[in-house]
Each structure stands twice: as C-alpha cells, then as structure tokens.
Protein backbone atom coordinates (compact mmCIF):
# COMPACT_ATOMS: atom_id res chain seq x y z
CA UNK A 1 56.29 6.86 -45.95
CA UNK A 2 60.01 6.99 -45.19
CA UNK A 3 59.50 6.49 -41.45
CA UNK A 4 56.98 3.70 -42.02
CA UNK A 5 59.50 1.79 -44.20
CA UNK A 6 57.22 1.70 -47.22
CA UNK A 7 60.05 1.58 -49.72
CA UNK A 8 58.08 -0.02 -52.55
CA UNK A 9 55.39 2.66 -52.46
CA UNK A 10 58.03 5.37 -52.21
CA UNK A 11 59.84 4.09 -55.31
CA UNK A 12 56.59 3.84 -57.27
CA UNK A 13 55.66 7.40 -56.29
CA UNK A 14 59.12 8.64 -57.30
CA UNK A 15 58.99 6.90 -60.69
CA UNK A 16 55.48 8.16 -61.46
CA UNK A 17 56.48 11.69 -60.47
CA UNK A 18 59.59 11.49 -62.67
CA UNK A 19 57.54 10.17 -65.60
CA UNK A 20 54.98 12.96 -65.28
CA UNK A 21 57.74 15.58 -65.02
CA UNK A 22 59.47 14.29 -68.15
CA UNK A 23 56.17 14.11 -70.02
CA UNK A 24 55.28 17.68 -69.00
CA UNK A 25 58.69 18.96 -70.04
CA UNK A 26 58.48 17.27 -73.43
CA UNK A 27 54.99 18.66 -74.03
CA UNK A 28 56.07 22.18 -72.99
CA UNK A 29 58.94 22.05 -75.49
CA UNK A 30 56.40 21.38 -78.22
CA UNK A 31 57.64 17.93 -79.16
CA UNK A 32 54.89 15.78 -80.66
CA UNK A 33 54.40 12.48 -78.86
CA UNK A 34 52.86 9.41 -80.49
CA UNK A 35 49.43 8.31 -79.39
CA UNK A 36 49.70 5.14 -77.25
CA UNK A 37 46.44 3.81 -78.71
CA UNK A 38 47.98 3.78 -82.19
CA UNK A 39 50.74 1.49 -80.97
CA UNK A 40 48.21 -0.74 -79.22
CA UNK A 41 46.08 -1.06 -82.33
CA UNK A 42 49.18 -1.86 -84.42
CA UNK A 43 50.11 -4.65 -82.01
CA UNK A 44 46.64 -6.12 -81.54
CA UNK A 45 45.31 -5.46 -85.06
CA UNK A 46 46.44 -8.74 -86.66
CA UNK A 47 44.92 -10.77 -83.83
CA UNK A 48 41.51 -9.18 -84.17
CA UNK A 49 41.55 -9.68 -87.94
CA UNK A 50 42.46 -13.35 -87.43
CA UNK A 51 39.61 -13.87 -84.99
CA UNK A 52 37.14 -12.16 -87.34
CA UNK A 53 38.28 -14.34 -90.24
CA UNK A 54 37.79 -17.49 -88.13
CA UNK A 55 34.27 -16.45 -87.16
CA UNK A 56 33.08 -15.78 -90.70
C-alpha cells in the first residue's frame, strides 16, 4: 500500500488496528465496557416513542 500511494487506506487500516488493540487491552485488563446498543437505544428511544404515539 505504501508503494502504491494508497495513503487513505493505510490510515484507515492503522486506525482500525489501533482501535482493536486498545479494545483488546482494555478487555484483557478486565475493565467492563458499556454495550453500544444501550447507547443507541437511549438516543433513538424518544423518537420511536414519538412515532408510535402519532400512529395510535
């Protein structure tokens, strides 16, 4: 990738690798991580309730 001048792909690969390394280190230390779906439901929850109330 370096010789082919694909800098964007190289940076994306480096960032994903760094993210996975940090995530693996945190999990191996036994630190509890929040579930991403809980955050998503907290953000989108009011919208779904509003749509359901409009449809009733």
